Amino acid sequence: MKYEPIKKYSKVDIEKAVADNNADELLLLVLSVALYSDDFEYAENFYVQLSIHEHFNVRGNAIQGLGHIA
C-alpha cells in the first residue's frame, strides 16, 4: 500500500465515477467527498447510495463518510 493524497473531485467527476462503478476509484472518491464537499445534502445522498454498493470497502468508506459529515 502506498500513501496517496486524496484529491478534490467535481460533482461531474463524482457522477462519472459512480456511473463507471470502478471500486478502486470509488474508494478514494468517497473519502474526497467527506473532506471537500460543501454540499451536505449532496454528500449525504451520495453516501446513502454507496452504502449498498457490492464492494464491501466502498460500503465501509461510505459509512465512514457519513460519520465525517455528521
PDB file of N, CA and C in Angstrom:
ATOM      1  N   MET A   1       0.838  -1.168   0.000  1.00  0.00           N
ATOM      2  CA  MET A   1       0.000   0.000   0.000  1.00  0.00           C
ATOM      3  C   MET A   1       0.888   1.238   0.000  1.00  0.00           C
ATOM      4  N   LYS A   2       0.495   2.228  -0.781  1.00  0.00           N
ATOM      5  CA  LYS A   2       1.262   3.455  -0.896  1.00  0.00           C
ATOM      6  C   LYS A   2       0.361   4.638  -0.576  1.00  0.00           C
ATOM      7  N   TYR A   3       0.861   5.575   0.224  1.00  0.00           N
ATOM      8  CA  TYR A   3       0.081   6.764   0.541  1.00  0.00           C
ATOM      9  C   TYR A   3      -0.114   7.603  -0.712  1.00  0.00           C
ATOM     10  N   GLU A   4      -1.323   8.046  -0.918  1.00  0.00           N
ATOM     11  CA  GLU A   4      -1.639   8.981  -1.991  1.00  0.00           C
ATOM     12  C   GLU A   4      -2.510  10.072  -1.405  1.00  0.00           C
ATOM     13  N   PRO A   5      -2.195  11.330  -1.703  1.00  0.00           N
ATOM     14  CA  PRO A   5      -3.073  12.389  -1.222  1.00  0.00           C
ATOM     15  C   PRO A   5      -4.457  12.246  -1.859  1.00  0.00           C
ATOM     16  N   ILE A   6      -5.477  12.603  -1.121  1.00  0.00           N
ATOM     17  CA  ILE A   6      -6.847  12.499  -1.630  1.00  0.00           C
ATOM     18  C   ILE A   6      -7.179  13.791  -2.350  1.00  0.00           C
ATOM     19  N   LYS A   7      -7.460  13.678  -3.644  1.00  0.00           N
ATOM     20  CA  LYS A   7      -7.731  14.876  -4.435  1.00  0.00           C
ATOM     21  C   LYS A   7      -9.201  15.261  -4.356  1.00  0.00           C
ATOM     22  N   LYS A   8      -9.463  16.496  -4.725  1.00  0.00           N
ATOM     23  CA  LYS A   8     -10.825  17.017  -4.740  1.00  0.00           C
ATOM     24  C   LYS A   8     -11.452  16.710  -6.099  1.00  0.00           C
ATOM     25  N   TYR A   9     -12.667  16.167  -6.081  1.00  0.00           N
ATOM     26  CA  TYR A   9     -13.392  15.833  -7.301  1.00  0.00           C
ATOM     27  C   TYR A   9     -14.559  16.798  -7.486  1.00  0.00           C
ATOM     28  N   SER A  10     -14.867  17.123  -8.731  1.00  0.00           N
ATOM     29  CA  SER A  10     -16.064  17.911  -9.031  1.00  0.00           C
ATOM     30  C   SER A  10     -17.274  16.982  -9.016  1.00  0.00           C
ATOM     31  N   LYS A  11     -18.466  17.560  -8.963  1.00  0.00           N
ATOM     32  CA  LYS A  11     -19.675  16.733  -8.997  1.00  0.00           C
ATOM     33  C   LYS A  11     -19.763  15.961 -10.306  1.00  0.00           C
ATOM     34  N   VAL A  12     -19.295  16.549 -11.394  1.00  0.00           N
ATOM     35  CA  VAL A  12     -19.287  15.853 -12.688  1.00  0.00           C
ATOM     36  C   VAL A  12     -18.381  14.628 -12.606  1.00  0.00           C
ATOM     37  N   ASP A  13     -17.197  14.791 -12.027  1.00  0.00           N
ATOM     38  CA  ASP A  13     -16.266  13.662 -11.859  1.00  0.00           C
ATOM     39  C   ASP A  13     -16.860  12.587 -10.950  1.00  0.00           C
ATOM     40  N   ILE A  14     -17.554  13.023  -9.911  1.00  0.00           N
ATOM     41  CA  ILE A  14     -18.171  12.081  -8.973  1.00  0.00           C
ATOM     42  C   ILE A  14     -19.238  11.258  -9.672  1.00  0.00           C
ATOM     43  N   GLU A  15     -20.107  11.919 -10.407  1.00  0.00           N
ATOM     44  CA  GLU A  15     -21.184  11.211 -11.110  1.00  0.00           C
ATOM     45  C   GLU A  15     -20.627  10.254 -12.159  1.00  0.00           C
ATOM     46  N   LYS A  16     -19.558  10.654 -12.836  1.00  0.00           N
ATOM     47  CA  LYS A  16     -18.938   9.774 -13.832  1.00  0.00           C
ATOM     48  C   LYS A  16     -18.351   8.536 -13.151  1.00  0.00           C
ATOM     49  N   ALA A  17     -17.685   8.728 -12.031  1.00  0.00           N
ATOM     50  CA  ALA A  17     -17.090   7.599 -11.311  1.00  0.00           C
ATOM     51  C   ALA A  17     -18.163   6.634 -10.817  1.00  0.00           C
ATOM     52  N   VAL A  18     -19.271   7.162 -10.344  1.00  0.00           N
ATOM     53  CA  VAL A  18     -20.370   6.303  -9.892  1.00  0.00           C
ATOM     54  C   VAL A  18     -20.922   5.515 -11.076  1.00  0.00           C
ATOM     55  N   ALA A  19     -21.081   6.181 -12.219  1.00  0.00           N
ATOM     56  CA  ALA A  19     -21.589   5.500 -13.412  1.00  0.00           C
ATOM     57  C   ALA A  19     -20.613   4.428 -13.900  1.00  0.00           C
ATOM     58  N   ASP A  20     -19.309   4.710 -13.817  1.00  0.00           N
ATOM     59  CA  ASP A  20     -18.289   3.738 -14.239  1.00  0.00           C
ATOM     60  C   ASP A  20     -18.195   2.560 -13.269  1.00  0.00           C
ATOM     61  N   ASN A  21     -18.568   2.782 -12.014  1.00  0.00           N
ATOM     62  CA  ASN A  21     -18.601   1.748 -10.979  1.00  0.00           C
ATOM     63  C   ASN A  21     -17.248   1.065 -10.767  1.00  0.00           C
ATOM     64  N   ASN A  22     -16.177   1.851 -10.823  1.00  0.00           N
ATOM     65  CA  ASN A  22     -14.834   1.332 -10.582  1.00  0.00           C
ATOM     66  C   ASN A  22     -14.557   1.404  -9.076  1.00  0.00           C
ATOM     67  N   ALA A  23     -14.550   0.262  -8.415  1.00  0.00           N
ATOM     68  CA  ALA A  23     -14.409   0.221  -6.957  1.00  0.00           C
ATOM     69  C   ALA A  23     -13.127   0.897  -6.488  1.00  0.00           C
ATOM     70  N   ASP A  24     -12.017   0.707  -7.194  1.00  0.00           N
ATOM     71  CA  ASP A  24     -10.754   1.321  -6.776  1.00  0.00           C
ATOM     72  C   ASP A  24     -10.860   2.844  -6.759  1.00  0.00           C
ATOM     73  N   GLU A  25     -11.521   3.403  -7.747  1.00  0.00           N
ATOM     74  CA  GLU A  25     -11.707   4.853  -7.797  1.00  0.00           C
ATOM     75  C   GLU A  25     -12.708   5.310  -6.735  1.00  0.00           C
ATOM     76  N   LEU A  26     -13.779   4.555  -6.563  1.00  0.00           N
ATOM     77  CA  LEU A  26     -14.812   4.930  -5.595  1.00  0.00           C
ATOM     78  C   LEU A  26     -14.282   4.929  -4.164  1.00  0.00           C
ATOM     79  N   LEU A  27     -13.327   4.064  -3.871  1.00  0.00           N
ATOM     80  CA  LEU A  27     -12.765   4.008  -2.518  1.00  0.00           C
ATOM     81  C   LEU A  27     -12.190   5.354  -2.092  1.00  0.00           C
ATOM     82  N   LEU A  28     -11.454   5.996  -2.986  1.00  0.00           N
ATOM     83  CA  LEU A  28     -10.865   7.298  -2.673  1.00  0.00           C
ATOM     84  C   LEU A  28     -11.869   8.422  -2.844  1.00  0.00           C
ATOM     85  N   LEU A  29     -12.731   8.282  -3.806  1.00  0.00           N
ATOM     86  CA  LEU A  29     -13.726   9.313  -4.083  1.00  0.00           C
ATOM     87  C   LEU A  29     -14.638   9.523  -2.882  1.00  0.00           C
ATOM     88  N   VAL A  30     -15.011   8.448  -2.227  1.00  0.00           N
ATOM     89  CA  VAL A  30     -15.872   8.534  -1.049  1.00  0.00           C
ATOM     90  C   VAL A  30     -15.196   9.377   0.033  1.00  0.00           C
ATOM     91  N   LEU A  31     -13.917   9.188   0.225  1.00  0.00           N
ATOM     92  CA  LEU A  31     -13.187   9.973   1.217  1.00  0.00           C
ATOM     93  C   LEU A  31     -13.052  11.424   0.780  1.00  0.00           C
ATOM     94  N   SER A  32     -12.873  11.655  -0.506  1.00  0.00           N
ATOM     95  CA  SER A  32     -12.767  13.010  -1.041  1.00  0.00           C
ATOM     96  C   SER A  32     -14.022  13.823  -0.766  1.00  0.00           C
ATOM     97  N   VAL A  33     -15.179  13.212  -0.959  1.00  0.00           N
ATOM     98  CA  VAL A  33     -16.437  13.921  -0.705  1.00  0.00           C
ATOM     99  C   VAL A  33     -16.513  14.326   0.768  1.00  0.00           C
ATOM    100  N   ALA A  34     -16.085  13.460   1.666  1.00  0.00           N
ATOM    101  CA  ALA A  34     -16.112  13.778   3.099  1.00  0.00           C
ATOM    102  C   ALA A  34     -15.201  14.961   3.420  1.00  0.00           C
ATOM    103  N   LEU A  35     -14.066  15.016   2.767  1.00  0.00           N
ATOM    104  CA  LEU A  35     -13.092  16.060   3.071  1.00  0.00           C
ATOM    105  C   LEU A  35     -13.399  17.395   2.406  1.00  0.00           C
ATOM    106  N   TYR A  36     -13.961  17.372   1.202  1.00  0.00           N
ATOM    107  CA  TYR A  36     -14.028  18.589   0.401  1.00  0.00           C
ATOM    108  C   TYR A  36     -15.423  19.095   0.051  1.00  0.00           C
ATOM    109  N   SER A  37     -16.456  18.294   0.190  1.00  0.00           N
ATOM    110  CA  SER A  37     -17.785  18.727  -0.246  1.00  0.00           C
ATOM    111  C   SER A  37     -18.358  19.790   0.687  1.00  0.00           C
ATOM    112  N   ASP A  38     -18.879  20.855   0.082  1.00  0.00           N
ATOM    113  CA  ASP A  38     -19.562  21.905   0.839  1.00  0.00           C
ATOM    114  C   ASP A  38     -21.072  21.703   0.826  1.00  0.00           C
ATOM    115  N   ASP A  39     -21.519  20.710   0.077  1.00  0.00           N
ATOM    116  CA  ASP A  39     -22.954  20.455  -0.087  1.00  0.00           C
ATOM    117  C   ASP A  39     -23.331  19.233   0.756  1.00  0.00           C
ATOM    118  N   PHE A  40     -23.775  19.489   1.982  1.00  0.00           N
ATOM    119  CA  PHE A  40     -24.077  18.410   2.919  1.00  0.00           C
ATOM    120  C   PHE A  40     -25.126  17.452   2.367  1.00  0.00           C
ATOM    121  N   GLU A  41     -26.196  17.994   1.799  1.00  0.00           N
ATOM    122  CA  GLU A  41     -27.282  17.140   1.302  1.00  0.00           C
ATOM    123  C   GLU A  41     -26.799  16.236   0.165  1.00  0.00           C
ATOM    124  N   TYR A  42     -25.989  16.792  -0.735  1.00  0.00           N
ATOM    125  CA  TYR A  42     -25.430  16.001  -1.830  1.00  0.00           C
ATOM    126  C   TYR A  42     -24.554  14.878  -1.261  1.00  0.00           C
ATOM    127  N   ALA A  43     -23.683  15.222  -0.322  1.00  0.00           N
ATOM    128  CA  ALA A  43     -22.783  14.228   0.269  1.00  0.00           C
ATOM    129  C   ALA A  43     -23.570  13.129   0.973  1.00  0.00           C
ATOM    130  N   GLU A  44     -24.581  13.517   1.723  1.00  0.00           N
ATOM    131  CA  GLU A  44     -25.392  12.529   2.431  1.00  0.00           C
ATOM    132  C   GLU A  44     -26.069  11.568   1.454  1.00  0.00           C
ATOM    133  N   ASN A  45     -26.664  12.094   0.398  1.00  0.00           N
ATOM    134  CA  ASN A  45     -27.315  11.243  -0.607  1.00  0.00           C
ATOM    135  C   ASN A  45     -26.309  10.335  -1.305  1.00  0.00           C
ATOM    136  N   PHE A  46     -25.134  10.872  -1.577  1.00  0.00           N
ATOM    137  CA  PHE A  46     -24.059  10.101  -2.200  1.00  0.00           C
ATOM    138  C   PHE A  46     -23.674   8.914  -1.311  1.00  0.00           C
ATOM    139  N   TYR A  47     -23.515   9.162  -0.023  1.00  0.00           N
ATOM    140  CA  TYR A  47     -23.129   8.094   0.899  1.00  0.00           C
ATOM    141  C   TYR A  47     -24.220   7.050   1.071  1.00  0.00           C
ATOM    142  N   VAL A  48     -25.454   7.492   1.142  1.00  0.00           N
ATOM    143  CA  VAL A  48     -26.560   6.536   1.252  1.00  0.00           C
ATOM    144  C   VAL A  48     -26.589   5.641   0.017  1.00  0.00           C
ATOM    145  N   GLN A  49     -26.386   6.242  -1.160  1.00  0.00           N
ATOM    146  CA  GLN A  49     -26.365   5.467  -2.412  1.00  0.00           C
ATOM    147  C   GLN A  49     -25.255   4.417  -2.378  1.00  0.00           C
ATOM    148  N   LEU A  50     -24.067   4.809  -1.931  1.00  0.00           N
ATOM    149  CA  LEU A  50     -22.935   3.875  -1.940  1.00  0.00           C
ATOM    150  C   LEU A  50     -22.907   2.939  -0.732  1.00  0.00           C
ATOM    151  N   SER A  51     -23.756   3.168   0.239  1.00  0.00           N
ATOM    152  CA  SER A  51     -23.780   2.286   1.411  1.00  0.00           C
ATOM    153  C   SER A  51     -24.314   0.894   1.083  1.00  0.00           C
ATOM    154  N   ILE A  52     -24.867   0.719  -0.109  1.00  0.00           N
ATOM    155  CA  ILE A  52     -25.333  -0.607  -0.541  1.00  0.00           C
ATOM    156  C   ILE A  52     -24.530  -1.123  -1.738  1.00  0.00           C
ATOM    157  N   HIS A  53     -23.368  -0.528  -1.977  1.00  0.00           N
ATOM    158  CA  HIS A  53     -22.511  -0.946  -3.096  1.00  0.00           C
ATOM    159  C   HIS A  53     -22.066  -2.393  -2.898  1.00  0.00           C
ATOM    160  N   GLU A  54     -21.832  -3.105  -3.998  1.00  0.00           N
ATOM    161  CA  GLU A  54     -21.449  -4.522  -3.892  1.00  0.00           C
ATOM    162  C   GLU A  54     -20.066  -4.734  -3.271  1.00  0.00           C
ATOM    163  N   HIS A  55     -19.177  -3.751  -3.366  1.00  0.00           N
ATOM    164  CA  HIS A  55     -17.829  -3.895  -2.815  1.00  0.00           C
ATOM    165  C   HIS A  55     -17.841  -3.472  -1.344  1.00  0.00           C
ATOM    166  N   PHE A  56     -17.416  -4.378  -0.462  1.00  0.00           N
ATOM    167  CA  PHE A  56     -17.509  -4.115   0.978  1.00  0.00           C
ATOM    168  C   PHE A  56     -16.690  -2.907   1.419  1.00  0.00           C
ATOM    169  N   ASN A  57     -15.560  -2.640   0.785  1.00  0.00           N
ATOM    170  CA  ASN A  57     -14.762  -1.478   1.184  1.00  0.00           C
ATOM    171  C   ASN A  57     -15.404  -0.167   0.740  1.00  0.00           C
ATOM    172  N   VAL A  58     -16.079  -0.167  -0.398  1.00  0.00           N
ATOM    173  CA  VAL A  58     -16.810   1.029  -0.826  1.00  0.00           C
ATOM    174  C   VAL A  58     -17.936   1.294   0.172  1.00  0.00           C
ATOM    175  N   ARG A  59     -18.661   0.242   0.544  1.00  0.00           N
ATOM    176  CA  ARG A  59     -19.717   0.391   1.556  1.00  0.00           C
ATOM    177  C   ARG A  59     -19.145   0.932   2.864  1.00  0.00           C
ATOM    178  N   GLY A  60     -18.045   0.347   3.294  1.00  0.00           N
ATOM    179  CA  GLY A  60     -17.425   0.776   4.550  1.00  0.00           C
ATOM    180  C   GLY A  60     -16.974   2.227   4.514  1.00  0.00           C
ATOM    181  N   ASN A  61     -16.365   2.642   3.406  1.00  0.00           N
ATOM    182  CA  ASN A  61     -15.930   4.029   3.285  1.00  0.00           C
ATOM    183  C   ASN A  61     -17.128   4.972   3.220  1.00  0.00           C
ATOM    184  N   ALA A  62     -18.225   4.517   2.622  1.00  0.00           N
ATOM    185  CA  ALA A  62     -19.437   5.342   2.578  1.00  0.00           C
ATOM    186  C   ALA A  62     -19.963   5.573   3.996  1.00  0.00           C
ATOM    187  N   ILE A  63     -19.960   4.537   4.811  1.00  0.00           N
ATOM    188  CA  ILE A  63     -20.405   4.677   6.200  1.00  0.00           C
ATOM    189  C   ILE A  63     -19.445   5.590   6.966  1.00  0.00           C
ATOM    190  N   GLN A  64     -18.161   5.440   6.718  1.00  0.00           N
ATOM    191  CA  GLN A  64     -17.171   6.320   7.346  1.00  0.00           C
ATOM    192  C   GLN A  64     -17.409   7.767   6.911  1.00  0.00           C
ATOM    193  N   GLY A  65     -17.725   7.964   5.640  1.00  0.00           N
ATOM    194  CA  GLY A  65     -18.015   9.305   5.138  1.00  0.00           C
ATOM    195  C   GLY A  65     -19.202   9.929   5.842  1.00  0.00           C
ATOM    196  N   LEU A  66     -20.241   9.129   6.088  1.00  0.00           N
ATOM    197  CA  LEU A  66     -21.397   9.644   6.837  1.00  0.00           C
ATOM    198  C   LEU A  66     -20.965  10.120   8.225  1.00  0.00           C
ATOM    199  N   GLY A  67     -20.072   9.371   8.833  1.00  0.00           N
ATOM    200  CA  GLY A  67     -19.559   9.782  10.138  1.00  0.00           C
ATOM    201  C   GLY A  67     -18.803  11.102  10.077  1.00  0.00           C
ATOM    202  N   HIS A  68     -18.057  11.312   9.005  1.00  0.00           N
ATOM    203  CA  HIS A  68     -17.291  12.553   8.853  1.00  0.00           C
ATOM    204  C   HIS A  68     -18.193  13.772   8.720  1.00  0.00           C
ATOM    205  N   ILE A  69     -19.309  13.607   8.026  1.00  0.00           N
ATOM    206  CA  ILE A  69     -20.173  14.773   7.800  1.00  0.00           C
ATOM    207  C   ILE A  69     -21.220  14.949   8.895  1.00  0.00           C
ATOM    208  N   ALA A  70     -21.307  13.984   9.814  1.00  0.00           N
ATOM    209  CA  ALA A  70     -22.323  14.066  10.886  1.00  0.00           C
ATOM    210  C   ALA A  70     -22.024  15.191  11.858  1.00  0.00           C
TER     211      ALA A  70
END
